C-alpha atoms as a PDB file:
ATOM      1  CA  MET A   1     -28.057   7.703 -35.354  1.00  0.00           C
ATOM      2  CA  SER A   2     -28.921  10.567 -33.012  1.00  0.00           C
ATOM      3  CA  LYS A   3     -26.881  11.442 -29.952  1.00  0.00           C
ATOM      4  CA  GLN A   4     -29.764  10.204 -27.748  1.00  0.00           C
ATOM      5  CA  ASP A   5     -29.842   6.917 -29.490  1.00  0.00           C
ATOM      6  CA  VAL A   6     -26.262   6.376 -28.818  1.00  0.00           C
ATOM      7  CA  ILE A   7     -26.835   7.240 -25.078  1.00  0.00           C
ATOM      8  CA  ASN A   8     -29.822   4.923 -24.898  1.00  0.00           C
ATOM      9  CA  LYS A   9     -27.815   2.172 -26.503  1.00  0.00           C
ATOM     10  CA  ALA A  10     -24.891   2.706 -24.059  1.00  0.00           C
ATOM     11  CA  VAL A  11     -27.113   2.703 -21.012  1.00  0.00           C
ATOM     12  CA  LYS A  12     -28.813  -0.645 -21.957  1.00  0.00           C
ATOM     13  CA  SER A  13     -25.622  -2.246 -23.038  1.00  0.00           C
ATOM     14  CA  ASN A  14     -23.103  -4.271 -20.949  1.00  0.00           C
ATOM     15  CA  GLU A  15     -20.243  -3.466 -23.220  1.00  0.00           C
ATOM     16  CA  PRO A  16     -18.565  -0.500 -21.466  1.00  0.00           C
ATOM     17  CA  PRO A  17     -17.808  -2.280 -18.292  1.00  0.00           C
ATOM     18  CA  VAL A  18     -16.724  -5.525 -20.094  1.00  0.00           C
ATOM     19  CA  TRP A  19     -14.539  -3.508 -22.484  1.00  0.00           C
ATOM     20  CA  LEU A  20     -13.112  -1.775 -19.479  1.00  0.00           C
ATOM     21  CA  LEU A  21     -12.189  -4.965 -17.795  1.00  0.00           C
ATOM     22  CA  PHE A  22     -10.949  -6.318 -21.118  1.00  0.00           C
ATOM     23  CA  SER A  23      -8.692  -3.434 -21.707  1.00  0.00           C
ATOM     24  CA  ALA A  24      -7.394  -3.379 -18.263  1.00  0.00           C
ATOM     25  CA  GLY A  25      -6.535  -7.207 -18.605  1.00  0.00           C
ATOM     26  CA  GLY A  26      -4.702  -6.604 -21.803  1.00  0.00           C
ATOM     27  CA  SER A  27      -2.745  -3.710 -20.296  1.00  0.00           C
ATOM     28  CA  VAL A  28      -1.830  -5.610 -17.156  1.00  0.00           C
ATOM     29  CA  SER A  29      -0.715  -8.588 -19.402  1.00  0.00           C
ATOM     30  CA  ALA A  30       1.423  -6.276 -21.555  1.00  0.00           C
ATOM     31  CA  PHE A  31       3.079  -4.314 -18.871  1.00  0.00           C
ATOM     32  CA  PHE A  32       3.438  -6.606 -15.908  1.00  0.00           C
ATOM     33  CA  PHE A  33       3.643 -10.318 -17.238  1.00  0.00           C
ATOM     34  CA  PRO A  34       7.247  -9.662 -18.435  1.00  0.00           C
ATOM     35  CA  VAL A  35       8.260  -8.741 -14.881  1.00  0.00           C
ATOM     36  CA  VAL A  36       6.370 -11.697 -13.436  1.00  0.00           C
ATOM     37  CA  ILE A  37       8.137 -13.975 -15.913  1.00  0.00           C
ATOM     38  CA  LEU A  38      11.468 -12.400 -15.049  1.00  0.00           C
ATOM     39  CA  VAL A  39      10.955 -12.766 -11.231  1.00  0.00           C
ATOM     40  CA  LEU A  40       9.443 -16.281 -11.305  1.00  0.00           C
ATOM     41  CA  GLY A  41      11.248 -17.797 -14.340  1.00  0.00           C
ATOM     42  CA  VAL A  42      14.764 -16.455 -13.911  1.00  0.00           C
ATOM     43  CA  LEU A  43      15.404 -14.625 -10.561  1.00  0.00           C
ATOM     44  CA  LEU A  44      13.793 -17.202  -8.409  1.00  0.00           C
ATOM     45  CA  PRO A  45      15.309 -20.296  -9.886  1.00  0.00           C
ATOM     46  CA  PHE A  46      18.828 -18.727  -9.827  1.00  0.00           C
ATOM     47  CA  GLY A  47      18.333 -17.793  -6.213  1.00  0.00           C
ATOM     48  CA  ILE A  48      18.602 -13.965  -6.742  1.00  0.00           C
ATOM     49  CA  VAL A  49      15.034 -13.591  -5.143  1.00  0.00           C
ATOM     50  CA  ASP A  50      14.273 -15.791  -2.074  1.00  0.00           C
ATOM     51  CA  VAL A  51      10.991 -17.740  -1.902  1.00  0.00           C
ATOM     52  CA  GLU A  52      10.291 -16.523   1.696  1.00  0.00           C
ATOM     53  CA  THR A  53      10.492 -12.913   0.327  1.00  0.00           C
ATOM     54  CA  LEU A  54       7.870 -13.572  -2.254  1.00  0.00           C
ATOM     55  CA  ILE A  55       5.652 -15.216   0.263  1.00  0.00           C
ATOM     56  CA  SER A  56       6.086 -12.406   2.878  1.00  0.00           C
ATOM     57  CA  PHE A  57       5.346  -9.921   0.057  1.00  0.00           C
ATOM     58  CA  ALA A  58       2.103 -11.896  -0.913  1.00  0.00           C
ATOM     59  CA  HIS A  59       0.901 -11.382   2.625  1.00  0.00           C
ATOM     60  CA  THR A  60       1.191  -7.698   2.574  1.00  0.00           C
ATOM     61  CA  PHE A  61      -1.700  -5.508   1.367  1.00  0.00           C
ATOM     62  CA  ILE A  62       0.284  -4.399  -1.800  1.00  0.00           C
ATOM     63  CA  GLY A  63       1.139  -7.992  -2.465  1.00  0.00           C
ATOM     64  CA  LYS A  64      -2.549  -9.097  -2.197  1.00  0.00           C
ATOM     65  CA  LEU A  65      -3.450  -6.294  -4.508  1.00  0.00           C
ATOM     66  CA  ALA A  66      -0.827  -7.288  -6.993  1.00  0.00           C
ATOM     67  CA  ILE A  67      -2.046 -10.899  -6.904  1.00  0.00           C
ATOM     68  CA  LEU A  68      -5.666  -9.607  -7.535  1.00  0.00           C
ATOM     69  CA  VAL A  69      -4.652  -7.323 -10.401  1.00  0.00           C
ATOM     70  CA  LEU A  70      -2.418  -9.998 -11.984  1.00  0.00           C
ATOM     71  CA  THR A  71      -5.017 -12.618 -11.855  1.00  0.00           C
ATOM     72  CA  ILE A  72      -8.478 -11.043 -12.279  1.00  0.00           C
ATOM     73  CA  PHE A  73      -8.034  -8.678 -15.191  1.00  0.00           C
ATOM     74  CA  PRO A  74      -6.161 -10.994 -17.548  1.00  0.00           C
ATOM     75  CA  MET A  75      -8.951 -13.583 -16.948  1.00  0.00           C
ATOM     76  CA  TRP A  76     -11.498 -11.033 -17.996  1.00  0.00           C
ATOM     77  CA  ALA A  77      -9.338 -10.161 -21.098  1.00  0.00           C
ATOM     78  CA  GLY A  78      -9.038 -13.838 -22.037  1.00  0.00           C
ATOM     79  CA  MET A  79     -12.726 -14.628 -21.627  1.00  0.00           C
ATOM     80  CA  HIS A  80     -13.695 -11.590 -23.657  1.00  0.00           C
ATOM     81  CA  ARG A  81     -11.323 -12.808 -26.451  1.00  0.00           C
ATOM     82  CA  ILE A  82     -12.627 -16.358 -26.372  1.00  0.00           C
ATOM     83  CA  HIS A  83     -16.154 -15.092 -26.593  1.00  0.00           C
ATOM     84  CA  HIS A  84     -15.607 -12.758 -29.407  1.00  0.00           C
ATOM     85  CA  GLY A  85     -13.210 -15.201 -31.158  1.00  0.00           C
ATOM     86  CA  LEU A  86     -15.863 -17.901 -31.299  1.00  0.00           C
ATOM     87  CA  HIS A  87     -18.314 -15.372 -32.519  1.00  0.00           C
ATOM     88  CA  ASP A  88     -15.904 -14.336 -35.406  1.00  0.00           C
ATOM     89  CA  LEU A  89     -15.535 -18.061 -36.152  1.00  0.00           C
ATOM     90  CA  LYS A  90     -19.415 -18.221 -36.379  1.00  0.00           C
ATOM     91  CA  VAL A  91     -19.422 -20.602 -33.408  1.00  0.00           C
ATOM     92  CA  HIS A  92     -22.315 -19.312 -31.616  1.00  0.00           C
ATOM     93  CA  VAL A  93     -22.547 -20.459 -28.001  1.00  0.00           C
ATOM     94  CA  PRO A  94     -26.006 -20.114 -26.520  1.00  0.00           C
ATOM     95  CA  ALA A  95     -25.931 -17.436 -23.851  1.00  0.00           C
ATOM     96  CA  GLY A  96     -22.183 -17.058 -24.589  1.00  0.00           C
ATOM     97  CA  GLY A  97     -22.027 -13.748 -22.714  1.00  0.00           C
ATOM     98  CA  PHE A  98     -23.678 -15.089 -19.608  1.00  0.00           C
ATOM     99  CA  ILE A  99     -21.304 -18.193 -19.600  1.00  0.00           C
ATOM    100  CA  PHE A 100     -17.899 -16.462 -20.372  1.00  0.00           C
ATOM    101  CA  TYR A 101     -18.637 -13.197 -18.278  1.00  0.00           C
ATOM    102  CA  GLY A 102     -20.287 -15.369 -15.687  1.00  0.00           C
ATOM    103  CA  LEU A 103     -17.197 -17.565 -15.397  1.00  0.00           C
ATOM    104  CA  SER A 104     -15.020 -14.468 -15.181  1.00  0.00           C
ATOM    105  CA  THR A 105     -17.305 -13.082 -12.302  1.00  0.00           C
ATOM    106  CA  LEU A 106     -17.097 -16.424 -10.455  1.00  0.00           C
ATOM    107  CA  TYR A 107     -13.384 -16.509 -10.842  1.00  0.00           C
ATOM    108  CA  THR A 108     -13.061 -12.960  -9.665  1.00  0.00           C
ATOM    109  CA  PHE A 109     -15.010 -13.776  -6.386  1.00  0.00           C
ATOM    110  CA  VAL A 110     -13.060 -17.020  -5.844  1.00  0.00           C
ATOM    111  CA  VAL A 111      -9.734 -15.104  -6.236  1.00  0.00           C
ATOM    112  CA  LEU A 112     -11.002 -12.369  -3.859  1.00  0.00           C
ATOM    113  CA  TYR A 113     -12.082 -14.960  -1.293  1.00  0.00           C
ATOM    114  CA  LEU A 114      -8.708 -16.911  -1.597  1.00  0.00           C
ATOM    115  CA  THR A 115      -6.487 -13.867  -1.574  1.00  0.00           C
ATOM    116  CA  PHE A 116      -7.913 -12.204   1.499  1.00  0.00           C
ATOM    117  CA  GLY A 117      -7.903 -15.616   3.130  1.00  0.00           C
ATOM    118  CA  LEU A 118      -4.140 -15.565   3.034  1.00  0.00           C
END
Protein backbone atom coordinates (compact mmCIF):
# COMPACT_ATOMS: atom_id res chain seq x y z
CA MET A 1 0.00 0.00 0.00
CA SER A 2 1.49 3.32 -1.04
CA LYS A 3 1.72 6.38 1.12
CA GLN A 4 -0.96 8.11 -0.95
CA ASP A 5 -3.34 5.15 -0.46
CA VAL A 6 -2.88 5.40 3.30
CA ILE A 7 -3.58 9.14 3.21
CA ASN A 8 -6.67 8.64 1.05
CA LYS A 9 -7.99 5.97 3.41
CA ALA A 10 -7.40 8.19 6.45
CA VAL A 11 -9.16 11.12 4.80
CA LYS A 12 -12.19 9.01 3.87
CA SER A 13 -12.40 7.24 7.23
CA ASN A 14 -14.12 8.31 10.43
CA GLU A 15 -11.66 6.24 12.48
CA PRO A 16 -9.18 8.94 13.60
CA PRO A 17 -11.72 11.14 15.44
CA VAL A 18 -13.50 8.12 16.90
CA TRP A 19 -10.22 6.60 18.09
CA LEU A 20 -9.25 9.96 19.58
CA LEU A 21 -12.49 10.11 21.59
CA PHE A 22 -12.14 6.41 22.51
CA SER A 23 -8.59 6.83 23.79
CA ALA A 24 -9.51 10.03 25.65
CA GLY A 25 -12.36 8.17 27.35
CA GLY A 26 -10.11 5.31 28.35
CA SER A 27 -7.51 7.69 29.73
CA VAL A 28 -10.09 9.69 31.67
CA SER A 29 -11.54 6.50 33.11
CA ALA A 30 -8.15 5.18 34.14
CA PHE A 31 -6.77 8.37 35.67
CA PHE A 32 -9.76 10.18 37.17
CA PHE A 33 -12.38 7.58 38.12
CA PRO A 34 -10.37 6.37 41.14
CA VAL A 35 -10.43 9.97 42.42
CA VAL A 36 -14.17 10.25 41.74
CA ILE A 37 -14.77 6.96 43.56
CA LEU A 38 -12.65 8.18 46.48
CA VAL A 39 -14.50 11.49 46.73
CA LEU A 40 -18.04 10.22 46.14
CA GLY A 41 -17.67 6.79 47.70
CA VAL A 42 -15.47 7.44 50.73
CA LEU A 43 -14.93 11.11 51.56
CA LEU A 44 -18.54 12.23 51.01
CA PRO A 45 -20.24 9.47 53.07
CA PHE A 46 -17.80 9.95 55.96
CA GLY A 47 -18.44 13.69 55.96
CA ILE A 48 -14.88 14.68 55.07
CA VAL A 49 -16.17 16.50 51.97
CA ASP A 50 -19.31 18.59 52.29
CA VAL A 51 -22.18 18.21 49.78
CA GLU A 52 -22.51 21.98 49.43
CA THR A 53 -18.83 22.17 48.50
CA LEU A 54 -19.32 19.68 45.68
CA ILE A 55 -22.42 21.50 44.45
CA SER A 56 -20.69 24.88 44.51
CA PHE A 57 -17.72 23.35 42.66
CA ALA A 58 -20.10 21.98 40.01
CA HIS A 59 -21.36 25.52 39.36
CA THR A 60 -17.89 26.88 38.53
CA PHE A 61 -16.42 26.77 35.04
CA ILE A 62 -13.79 24.22 36.08
CA GLY A 63 -16.48 22.10 37.72
CA LYS A 64 -18.60 22.15 34.57
CA LEU A 65 -15.54 21.23 32.52
CA ALA A 66 -14.86 18.34 34.92
CA ILE A 67 -18.45 17.13 34.54
CA LEU A 68 -18.14 17.25 30.76
CA VAL A 69 -14.82 15.42 30.68
CA LEU A 70 -15.88 12.77 33.22
CA THR A 71 -19.13 11.98 31.40
CA ILE A 72 -18.64 12.51 27.67
CA PHE A 73 -15.31 10.82 26.95
CA PRO A 74 -16.01 7.59 28.87
CA MET A 75 -19.33 7.30 27.00
CA TRP A 76 -17.46 7.43 23.68
CA ALA A 77 -15.02 4.79 24.95
CA GLY A 78 -17.83 2.54 26.14
CA MET A 79 -19.84 2.80 22.93
CA HIS A 80 -16.71 2.16 20.87
CA ARG A 81 -15.97 -0.95 22.94
CA ILE A 82 -19.55 -2.19 22.59
CA HIS A 83 -19.53 -1.60 18.84
CA HIS A 84 -16.25 -3.43 18.28
CA GLY A 85 -17.03 -6.09 20.88
CA LEU A 86 -20.22 -7.02 19.05
CA HIS A 87 -18.29 -7.08 15.80
CA ASP A 88 -15.70 -9.42 17.35
CA LEU A 89 -18.52 -11.70 18.52
CA LYS A 90 -19.85 -11.76 14.95
CA VAL A 91 -22.99 -9.86 15.96
CA HIS A 92 -23.35 -7.42 13.11
CA VAL A 93 -25.71 -4.59 13.93
CA PRO A 94 -27.01 -2.94 10.75
CA ALA A 95 -25.59 0.59 10.65
CA GLY A 96 -23.88 -0.09 13.98
CA GLY A 97 -21.45 2.78 13.58
CA PHE A 98 -24.27 5.24 13.06
CA ILE A 99 -26.23 3.81 15.98
CA PHE A 100 -23.46 3.64 18.59
CA TYR A 101 -21.59 6.78 17.58
CA GLY A 102 -24.87 8.58 16.96
CA LEU A 103 -25.99 7.76 20.50
CA SER A 104 -22.66 9.04 21.80
CA THR A 105 -23.09 12.25 19.83
CA LEU A 106 -26.63 12.69 21.11
CA TYR A 107 -25.43 12.04 24.66
CA THR A 108 -22.68 14.62 24.18
CA PHE A 109 -25.17 17.31 23.17
CA VAL A 110 -27.55 16.41 26.01
CA VAL A 111 -24.74 16.62 28.58
CA LEU A 112 -23.54 19.92 27.11
CA TYR A 113 -27.06 21.34 27.30
CA LEU A 114 -27.68 20.12 30.83
CA THR A 115 -24.26 21.11 32.15
CA PHE A 116 -24.40 24.67 30.92
CA GLY A 117 -27.97 24.90 32.18
CA LEU A 118 -26.72 24.52 35.76
